[in-house]
Amino acid sequence: MKFILEIIGFNIESCIAAQAAGARRIELCDNPGEGGTTPSYGFIKLAKQVLQIDVFPIIRPRGGDFLYNDKEFEIMKSDIQVCKNLGCDGVVFGLLKEDATIDKMRCKTLVQLAYPMSTTFHRAFDRITNSEKALEDIIDCGFERILTSGFYPTAMEGKENLQKLIAQAAERIIIMPGSGVRSTNIKEIAESTGAVEFHSSAKKMIENNMTVLNTNMNENLQQVGIDEKEIEKMIEILTQQ
């Protein structure tokens, strides 16, 4: 199949289920409520032990913006080295300057540190101001792909911009649509943009397995899981393209 479907894995069971459903790559993350932060050492290590598909941990030391101080940058360097030592196939990160331009110097440093792992510039890209220049800057940094929703909350809303980015990229870098990608729209996104890689959470909420709860806490203790049937549907649709 010429198409690649990447699935976000927020826990080990979701990663295993995504692989069984046919996903080709896992973006390994912690903290879904903050849009994903760097997963733990133990999570990365076990994912590499039990998965046969590519594992790409996100390198994001905290939620919030993508402007990192010197200490946070050191954390990112250390986490990339951990991923390399554990045999990860790639890493996902993105750094901006105060004026919402690409932090080329630091990005180049991390790309070089990550080699030979693949590198994806994540949706920090959707927060930039000049898309044409930012794309060229990211290519110059040596990234292999960009995860983007086309500067809108979802890839469906940004599909016209995604098509323009893919045309500008001219096969020098992969533009991977993500955010809100589901079986109900992946065909339209693929046809309208010309993308060959797609990123989806295929999210569903998993109920807690506790038999006794303290009702005074007023919480349900749900966790984010993945919908295997949804992944299978998306792959079936892409296979027919």
C-alpha atoms as a PDB file:
ATOM      1  CA  MET A   1       0.000   0.000   0.000  1.00  0.00           C
ATOM      2  CA  LYS A   2       1.404   3.367  -0.981  1.00  0.00           C
ATOM      3  CA  PHE A   3      -0.329   5.136   1.914  1.00  0.00           C
ATOM      4  CA  ILE A   4       0.923   5.209   5.516  1.00  0.00           C
ATOM      5  CA  LEU A   5      -1.371   5.629   8.505  1.00  0.00           C
ATOM      6  CA  GLU A   6       0.234   6.855  11.725  1.00  0.00           C
ATOM      7  CA  ILE A   7      -1.708   6.463  14.973  1.00  0.00           C
ATOM      8  CA  ILE A   8      -1.144   8.261  18.275  1.00  0.00           C
ATOM      9  CA  GLY A   9      -0.453   5.880  21.143  1.00  0.00           C
ATOM     10  CA  PHE A  10      -1.099   7.242  24.640  1.00  0.00           C
ATOM     11  CA  ASN A  11      -0.738   3.858  26.371  1.00  0.00           C
ATOM     12  CA  ILE A  12       0.822   0.500  25.568  1.00  0.00           C
ATOM     13  CA  GLU A  13      -2.457  -1.328  24.996  1.00  0.00           C
ATOM     14  CA  SER A  14      -3.491   1.237  22.374  1.00  0.00           C
ATOM     15  CA  CYS A  15      -0.149   0.813  20.605  1.00  0.00           C
ATOM     16  CA  ILE A  16      -0.566  -2.955  20.437  1.00  0.00           C
ATOM     17  CA  ALA A  17      -4.161  -2.626  19.221  1.00  0.00           C
ATOM     18  CA  ALA A  18      -3.188  -0.074  16.559  1.00  0.00           C
ATOM     19  CA  GLN A  19      -0.513  -2.402  15.219  1.00  0.00           C
ATOM     20  CA  ALA A  20      -2.973  -5.315  15.097  1.00  0.00           C
ATOM     21  CA  ALA A  21      -5.447  -3.128  13.202  1.00  0.00           C
ATOM     22  CA  GLY A  22      -2.865  -2.341  10.507  1.00  0.00           C
ATOM     23  CA  ALA A  23      -1.286   0.985  11.495  1.00  0.00           C
ATOM     24  CA  ARG A  24       2.190   1.461  10.037  1.00  0.00           C
ATOM     25  CA  ARG A  25       3.616   3.824  12.653  1.00  0.00           C
ATOM     26  CA  ILE A  26       2.966   4.964  16.228  1.00  0.00           C
ATOM     27  CA  GLU A  27       3.502   8.484  17.514  1.00  0.00           C
ATOM     28  CA  LEU A  28       4.193   7.710  21.157  1.00  0.00           C
ATOM     29  CA  CYS A  29       2.834  10.344  23.558  1.00  0.00           C
ATOM     30  CA  ASP A  30       1.900  11.037  27.139  1.00  0.00           C
ATOM     31  CA  ASN A  31      -0.672  13.566  28.425  1.00  0.00           C
ATOM     32  CA  PRO A  32      -3.441  13.731  25.797  1.00  0.00           C
ATOM     33  CA  GLY A  33      -5.012  16.621  27.686  1.00  0.00           C
ATOM     34  CA  GLU A  34      -2.015  18.796  26.814  1.00  0.00           C
ATOM     35  CA  GLY A  35      -1.770  17.696  23.215  1.00  0.00           C
ATOM     36  CA  GLY A  36       0.972  15.169  23.925  1.00  0.00           C
ATOM     37  CA  THR A  37       4.238  15.347  25.842  1.00  0.00           C
ATOM     38  CA  THR A  38       7.334  13.143  25.965  1.00  0.00           C
ATOM     39  CA  PRO A  39       6.498   9.593  27.077  1.00  0.00           C
ATOM     40  CA  SER A  40       8.365   7.933  29.925  1.00  0.00           C
ATOM     41  CA  TYR A  41      11.519   5.860  29.532  1.00  0.00           C
ATOM     42  CA  GLY A  42       9.618   2.735  30.521  1.00  0.00           C
ATOM     43  CA  PHE A  43       6.840   3.381  27.994  1.00  0.00           C
ATOM     44  CA  ILE A  44       9.312   3.923  25.150  1.00  0.00           C
ATOM     45  CA  LYS A  45      11.361   0.868  26.100  1.00  0.00           C
ATOM     46  CA  LEU A  46       8.366  -1.472  26.264  1.00  0.00           C
ATOM     47  CA  ALA A  47       6.874  -0.097  23.034  1.00  0.00           C
ATOM     48  CA  LYS A  48      10.082  -0.930  21.196  1.00  0.00           C
ATOM     49  CA  GLN A  49      10.095  -4.409  22.734  1.00  0.00           C
ATOM     50  CA  VAL A  50       6.531  -5.376  21.799  1.00  0.00           C
ATOM     51  CA  LEU A  51       5.927  -3.506  18.523  1.00  0.00           C
ATOM     52  CA  GLN A  52       7.195  -4.407  15.082  1.00  0.00           C
ATOM     53  CA  ILE A  53       5.988  -1.181  13.423  1.00  0.00           C
ATOM     54  CA  ASP A  54       7.848   2.135  13.646  1.00  0.00           C
ATOM     55  CA  VAL A  55       7.827   3.966  16.977  1.00  0.00           C
ATOM     56  CA  PHE A  56       8.202   7.774  16.960  1.00  0.00           C
ATOM     57  CA  PRO A  57       8.114   9.318  20.464  1.00  0.00           C
ATOM     58  CA  ILE A  58       7.173  12.964  20.682  1.00  0.00           C
ATOM     59  CA  ILE A  59       9.889  15.155  22.214  1.00  0.00           C
ATOM     60  CA  ARG A  60       7.923  17.837  24.034  1.00  0.00           C
ATOM     61  CA  PRO A  61       8.960  18.547  27.632  1.00  0.00           C
ATOM     62  CA  ARG A  62       5.707  20.315  28.544  1.00  0.00           C
ATOM     63  CA  GLY A  63       2.387  21.516  27.219  1.00  0.00           C
ATOM     64  CA  GLY A  64       1.727  25.093  26.168  1.00  0.00           C
ATOM     65  CA  ASP A  65       3.696  27.003  23.560  1.00  0.00           C
ATOM     66  CA  PHE A  66       6.698  25.846  21.544  1.00  0.00           C
ATOM     67  CA  LEU A  67       9.168  28.454  22.767  1.00  0.00           C
ATOM     68  CA  TYR A  68      11.660  26.601  24.933  1.00  0.00           C
ATOM     69  CA  ASN A  69      14.263  27.958  27.331  1.00  0.00           C
ATOM     70  CA  ASP A  70      17.808  26.618  27.632  1.00  0.00           C
ATOM     71  CA  LYS A  71      16.954  24.103  30.354  1.00  0.00           C
ATOM     72  CA  GLU A  72      14.022  22.724  28.358  1.00  0.00           C
ATOM     73  CA  PHE A  73      16.257  22.464  25.294  1.00  0.00           C
ATOM     74  CA  GLU A  74      18.712  20.375  27.308  1.00  0.00           C
ATOM     75  CA  ILE A  75      15.850  18.100  28.336  1.00  0.00           C
ATOM     76  CA  MET A  76      14.878  17.650  24.684  1.00  0.00           C
ATOM     77  CA  LYS A  77      18.440  16.735  23.744  1.00  0.00           C
ATOM     78  CA  SER A  78      18.618  14.179  26.539  1.00  0.00           C
ATOM     79  CA  ASP A  79      15.260  12.653  25.577  1.00  0.00           C
ATOM     80  CA  ILE A  80      16.325  12.323  21.932  1.00  0.00           C
ATOM     81  CA  GLN A  81      19.469  10.519  23.045  1.00  0.00           C
ATOM     82  CA  VAL A  82      17.323   8.169  25.146  1.00  0.00           C
ATOM     83  CA  CYS A  83      15.173   7.401  22.095  1.00  0.00           C
ATOM     84  CA  LYS A  84      18.269   6.720  20.013  1.00  0.00           C
ATOM     85  CA  ASN A  85      19.696   4.428  22.696  1.00  0.00           C
ATOM     86  CA  LEU A  86      16.421   2.492  22.845  1.00  0.00           C
ATOM     87  CA  GLY A  87      16.398   1.970  19.086  1.00  0.00           C
ATOM     88  CA  CYS A  88      13.457   4.194  18.179  1.00  0.00           C
ATOM     89  CA  ASP A  89      12.749   4.667  14.493  1.00  0.00           C
ATOM     90  CA  GLY A  90      12.092   8.395  14.697  1.00  0.00           C
ATOM     91  CA  VAL A  91      11.239  11.348  16.907  1.00  0.00           C
ATOM     92  CA  VAL A  92       8.722  14.172  16.649  1.00  0.00           C
ATOM     93  CA  PHE A  93       9.429  17.737  17.759  1.00  0.00           C
ATOM     94  CA  GLY A  94       9.207  21.407  16.801  1.00  0.00           C
ATOM     95  CA  LEU A  95      10.666  24.635  18.153  1.00  0.00           C
ATOM     96  CA  LEU A  96       9.594  28.203  17.439  1.00  0.00           C
ATOM     97  CA  LYS A  97      10.984  31.648  18.176  1.00  0.00           C
ATOM     98  CA  GLU A  98       9.064  34.408  19.930  1.00  0.00           C
ATOM     99  CA  ASP A  99       7.881  35.823  16.598  1.00  0.00           C
ATOM    100  CA  ALA A 100       6.360  32.462  15.559  1.00  0.00           C
ATOM    101  CA  THR A 101       9.135  31.645  13.092  1.00  0.00           C
ATOM    102  CA  ILE A 102      11.095  28.385  13.027  1.00  0.00           C
ATOM    103  CA  ASP A 103      13.974  28.130  15.504  1.00  0.00           C
ATOM    104  CA  LYS A 104      16.336  26.844  12.816  1.00  0.00           C
ATOM    105  CA  MET A 105      19.486  26.713  14.897  1.00  0.00           C
ATOM    106  CA  ARG A 106      18.001  24.536  17.622  1.00  0.00           C
ATOM    107  CA  CYS A 107      15.984  22.437  15.192  1.00  0.00           C
ATOM    108  CA  LYS A 108      19.117  21.659  13.169  1.00  0.00           C
ATOM    109  CA  THR A 109      20.939  20.693  16.353  1.00  0.00           C
ATOM    110  CA  LEU A 110      18.196  18.230  17.306  1.00  0.00           C
ATOM    111  CA  VAL A 111      17.870  16.784  13.783  1.00  0.00           C
ATOM    112  CA  GLN A 112      21.603  16.143  13.729  1.00  0.00           C
ATOM    113  CA  LEU A 113      21.502  14.625  17.214  1.00  0.00           C
ATOM    114  CA  ALA A 114      18.595  12.368  16.214  1.00  0.00           C
ATOM    115  CA  TYR A 115      20.314  10.962  13.104  1.00  0.00           C
ATOM    116  CA  PRO A 116      19.903   8.265  11.825  1.00  0.00           C
ATOM    117  CA  MET A 117      16.380   8.364  13.295  1.00  0.00           C
ATOM    118  CA  SER A 118      13.707   9.962  11.137  1.00  0.00           C
ATOM    119  CA  THR A 119      12.456  13.384  12.259  1.00  0.00           C
ATOM    120  CA  THR A 120       8.963  14.884  12.054  1.00  0.00           C
ATOM    121  CA  PHE A 121       8.225  18.567  12.715  1.00  0.00           C
ATOM    122  CA  HIS A 122       4.929  18.493  14.601  1.00  0.00           C
ATOM    123  CA  ARG A 123       1.939  20.860  14.711  1.00  0.00           C
ATOM    124  CA  ALA A 124       3.954  23.724  16.105  1.00  0.00           C
ATOM    125  CA  PHE A 125       4.032  24.358  12.351  1.00  0.00           C
ATOM    126  CA  ASP A 126       0.346  25.345  12.506  1.00  0.00           C
ATOM    127  CA  ARG A 127       1.272  28.248  14.785  1.00  0.00           C
ATOM    128  CA  ILE A 128       3.717  29.928  12.384  1.00  0.00           C
ATOM    129  CA  THR A 129       3.085  33.166  10.496  1.00  0.00           C
ATOM    130  CA  ASN A 130       4.726  32.760   7.078  1.00  0.00           C
ATOM    131  CA  SER A 131       3.971  29.251   5.810  1.00  0.00           C
ATOM    132  CA  GLU A 132       6.075  29.394   2.650  1.00  0.00           C
ATOM    133  CA  LYS A 133       9.227  30.484   4.485  1.00  0.00           C
ATOM    134  CA  ALA A 134       8.591  28.114   7.386  1.00  0.00           C
ATOM    135  CA  LEU A 135       8.327  25.169   5.017  1.00  0.00           C
ATOM    136  CA  GLU A 136      11.653  26.032   3.408  1.00  0.00           C
ATOM    137  CA  ASP A 137      13.253  26.507   6.820  1.00  0.00           C
ATOM    138  CA  ILE A 138      12.092  23.073   7.977  1.00  0.00           C
ATOM    139  CA  ILE A 139      13.381  21.459   4.790  1.00  0.00           C
ATOM    140  CA  ASP A 140      16.711  23.202   5.343  1.00  0.00           C
ATOM    141  CA  CYS A 141      16.844  21.811   8.893  1.00  0.00           C
ATOM    142  CA  GLY A 142      16.726  18.286   7.501  1.00  0.00           C
ATOM    143  CA  PHE A 143      13.319  17.065   8.710  1.00  0.00           C
ATOM    144  CA  GLU A 144      11.712  14.185   6.824  1.00  0.00           C
ATOM    145  CA  ARG A 145       8.101  15.229   7.316  1.00  0.00           C
ATOM    146  CA  ILE A 146       5.741  17.855   8.731  1.00  0.00           C
ATOM    147  CA  LEU A 147       2.595  17.009  10.676  1.00  0.00           C
ATOM    148  CA  THR A 148       0.048  19.744  10.026  1.00  0.00           C
ATOM    149  CA  SER A 149      -3.662  20.495   9.858  1.00  0.00           C
ATOM    150  CA  GLY A 150      -3.098  23.257   7.323  1.00  0.00           C
ATOM    151  CA  PHE A 151      -3.290  26.111   9.865  1.00  0.00           C
ATOM    152  CA  TYR A 152      -6.836  25.270  10.959  1.00  0.00           C
ATOM    153  CA  PRO A 153      -8.061  23.195  13.925  1.00  0.00           C
ATOM    154  CA  THR A 154      -8.695  20.192  11.656  1.00  0.00           C
ATOM    155  CA  ALA A 155      -7.188  18.842   8.452  1.00  0.00           C
ATOM    156  CA  MET A 156     -10.575  18.964   6.728  1.00  0.00           C
ATOM    157  CA  GLU A 157     -10.773  22.701   7.340  1.00  0.00           C
ATOM    158  CA  GLY A 158      -7.183  23.167   6.193  1.00  0.00           C
ATOM    159  CA  LYS A 159      -7.254  20.866   3.163  1.00  0.00           C
ATOM    160  CA  GLU A 160      -6.723  23.661   0.626  1.00  0.00           C
ATOM    161  CA  ASN A 161      -3.636  24.832   2.494  1.00  0.00           C
ATOM    162  CA  LEU A 162      -2.433  21.237   2.765  1.00  0.00           C
ATOM    163  CA  GLN A 163      -2.655  20.886  -1.000  1.00  0.00           C
ATOM    164  CA  LYS A 164      -0.621  24.080  -1.443  1.00  0.00           C
ATOM    165  CA  LEU A 165       2.014  22.866   1.031  1.00  0.00           C
ATOM    166  CA  ILE A 166       2.336  19.540  -0.781  1.00  0.00           C
ATOM    167  CA  ALA A 167       2.744  21.363  -4.088  1.00  0.00           C
ATOM    168  CA  GLN A 168       5.421  23.656  -2.625  1.00  0.00           C
ATOM    169  CA  ALA A 169       7.198  20.726  -0.979  1.00  0.00           C
ATOM    170  CA  ALA A 170       7.563  19.068  -4.392  1.00  0.00           C
ATOM    171  CA  GLU A 171       8.528  15.745  -2.777  1.00  0.00           C
ATOM    172  CA  ARG A 172      11.410  17.323  -0.846  1.00  0.00           C
ATOM    173  CA  ILE A 173       9.588  16.655   2.425  1.00  0.00           C
ATOM    174  CA  ILE A 174       6.455  14.706   3.385  1.00  0.00           C
ATOM    175  CA  ILE A 175       3.391  16.731   4.375  1.00  0.00           C
ATOM    176  CA  MET A 176       1.279  14.569   6.694  1.00  0.00           C
ATOM    177  CA  PRO A 177      -2.284  15.770   7.406  1.00  0.00           C
ATOM    178  CA  GLY A 178      -3.408  15.325  10.990  1.00  0.00           C
ATOM    179  CA  SER A 179      -6.120  16.466  13.432  1.00  0.00           C
ATOM    180  CA  GLY A 180      -9.651  15.213  13.037  1.00  0.00           C
ATOM    181  CA  VAL A 181      -8.668  12.619  10.421  1.00  0.00           C
ATOM    182  CA  ARG A 182     -11.252   9.819  10.509  1.00  0.00           C
ATOM    183  CA  SER A 183     -12.782   7.214   8.215  1.00  0.00           C
ATOM    184  CA  THR A 184     -15.552   9.697   7.390  1.00  0.00           C
ATOM    185  CA  ASN A 185     -13.151  12.187   5.776  1.00  0.00           C
ATOM    186  CA  ILE A 186      -9.822  10.498   5.013  1.00  0.00           C
ATOM    187  CA  LYS A 187     -10.852   9.768   1.397  1.00  0.00           C
ATOM    188  CA  GLU A 188     -11.699  13.429   0.775  1.00  0.00           C
ATOM    189  CA  ILE A 189      -8.498  14.631   2.427  1.00  0.00           C
ATOM    190  CA  ALA A 190      -6.420  12.195   0.383  1.00  0.00           C
ATOM    191  CA  GLU A 191      -8.061  13.124  -2.905  1.00  0.00           C
ATOM    192  CA  SER A 192      -8.062  16.882  -2.346  1.00  0.00           C
ATOM    193  CA  THR A 193      -4.496  17.184  -1.034  1.00  0.00           C
ATOM    194  CA  GLY A 194      -2.506  14.419  -2.706  1.00  0.00           C
ATOM    195  CA  ALA A 195      -1.084  13.363   0.678  1.00  0.00           C
ATOM    196  CA  VAL A 196       0.308   9.850   1.107  1.00  0.00           C
ATOM    197  CA  GLU A 197       0.819   9.817   4.892  1.00  0.00           C
ATOM    198  CA  PHE A 198      -1.928  10.479   7.434  1.00  0.00           C
ATOM    199  CA  HIS A 199      -2.016  10.963  11.189  1.00  0.00           C
ATOM    200  CA  SER A 200      -4.990  10.070  13.371  1.00  0.00           C
ATOM    201  CA  SER A 201      -5.806   9.466  17.011  1.00  0.00           C
ATOM    202  CA  ALA A 202      -8.667   7.065  16.121  1.00  0.00           C
ATOM    203  CA  LYS A 203      -9.654   7.981  19.648  1.00  0.00           C
ATOM    204  CA  LYS A 204     -12.243   6.425  21.875  1.00  0.00           C
ATOM    205  CA  MET A 205     -12.635   6.722  25.620  1.00  0.00           C
ATOM    206  CA  ILE A 206     -12.082   3.633  27.755  1.00  0.00           C
ATOM    207  CA  GLU A 207     -14.094   3.243  30.924  1.00  0.00           C
ATOM    208  CA  ASN A 208     -12.230   2.574  34.150  1.00  0.00           C
ATOM    209  CA  ASN A 209     -12.037  -1.015  35.400  1.00  0.00           C
ATOM    210  CA  MET A 210     -12.305  -0.236  39.097  1.00  0.00           C
ATOM    211  CA  THR A 211     -15.085  -2.100  40.873  1.00  0.00           C
ATOM    212  CA  VAL A 212     -15.225   0.444  43.691  1.00  0.00           C
ATOM    213  CA  LEU A 213     -15.002   4.228  43.307  1.00  0.00           C
ATOM    214  CA  ASN A 214     -14.979   7.034  45.835  1.00  0.00           C
ATOM    215  CA  THR A 215     -18.021   8.977  44.607  1.00  0.00           C
ATOM    216  CA  ASN A 216     -16.940  12.009  46.638  1.00  0.00           C
ATOM    217  CA  MET A 217     -14.157  12.552  44.077  1.00  0.00           C
ATOM    218  CA  ASN A 218     -16.709  13.200  41.302  1.00  0.00           C
ATOM    219  CA  GLU A 219     -14.533  11.652  38.561  1.00  0.00           C
ATOM    220  CA  ASN A 220     -14.888   8.828  36.068  1.00  0.00           C
ATOM    221  CA  LEU A 221     -11.187   7.885  35.630  1.00  0.00           C
ATOM    222  CA  GLN A 222     -11.581   7.278  31.898  1.00  0.00           C
ATOM    223  CA  GLN A 223      -8.513   6.983  29.706  1.00  0.00           C
ATOM    224  CA  VAL A 224      -7.875   7.666  26.027  1.00  0.00           C
ATOM    225  CA  GLY A 225      -7.780   4.527  23.920  1.00  0.00           C
ATOM    226  CA  ILE A 226      -8.023   3.747  20.219  1.00  0.00           C
ATOM    227  CA  ASP A 227     -10.843   2.398  18.089  1.00  0.00           C
ATOM    228  CA  GLU A 228      -9.455  -0.590  16.186  1.00  0.00           C
ATOM    229  CA  LYS A 229     -12.449  -0.723  13.833  1.00  0.00           C
ATOM    230  CA  GLU A 230     -11.885   2.924  12.938  1.00  0.00           C
ATOM    231  CA  ILE A 231      -8.262   2.204  12.031  1.00  0.00           C
ATOM    232  CA  GLU A 232      -9.324  -0.760   9.899  1.00  0.00           C
ATOM    233  CA  LYS A 233     -11.889   1.403   8.090  1.00  0.00           C
ATOM    234  CA  MET A 234      -9.332   4.110   7.318  1.00  0.00           C
ATOM    235  CA  ILE A 235      -6.851   1.552   5.986  1.00  0.00           C
ATOM    236  CA  GLU A 236      -9.552  -0.068   3.858  1.00  0.00           C
ATOM    237  CA  ILE A 237     -10.459   3.321   2.371  1.00  0.00           C
ATOM    238  CA  LEU A 238      -6.827   4.179   1.649  1.00  0.00           C
ATOM    239  CA  THR A 239      -6.220   0.775   0.069  1.00  0.00           C
ATOM    240  CA  GLN A 240      -8.997   1.505  -2.414  1.00  0.00           C
ATOM    241  CA  GLN A 241      -7.431   4.786  -3.539  1.00  0.00           C
END
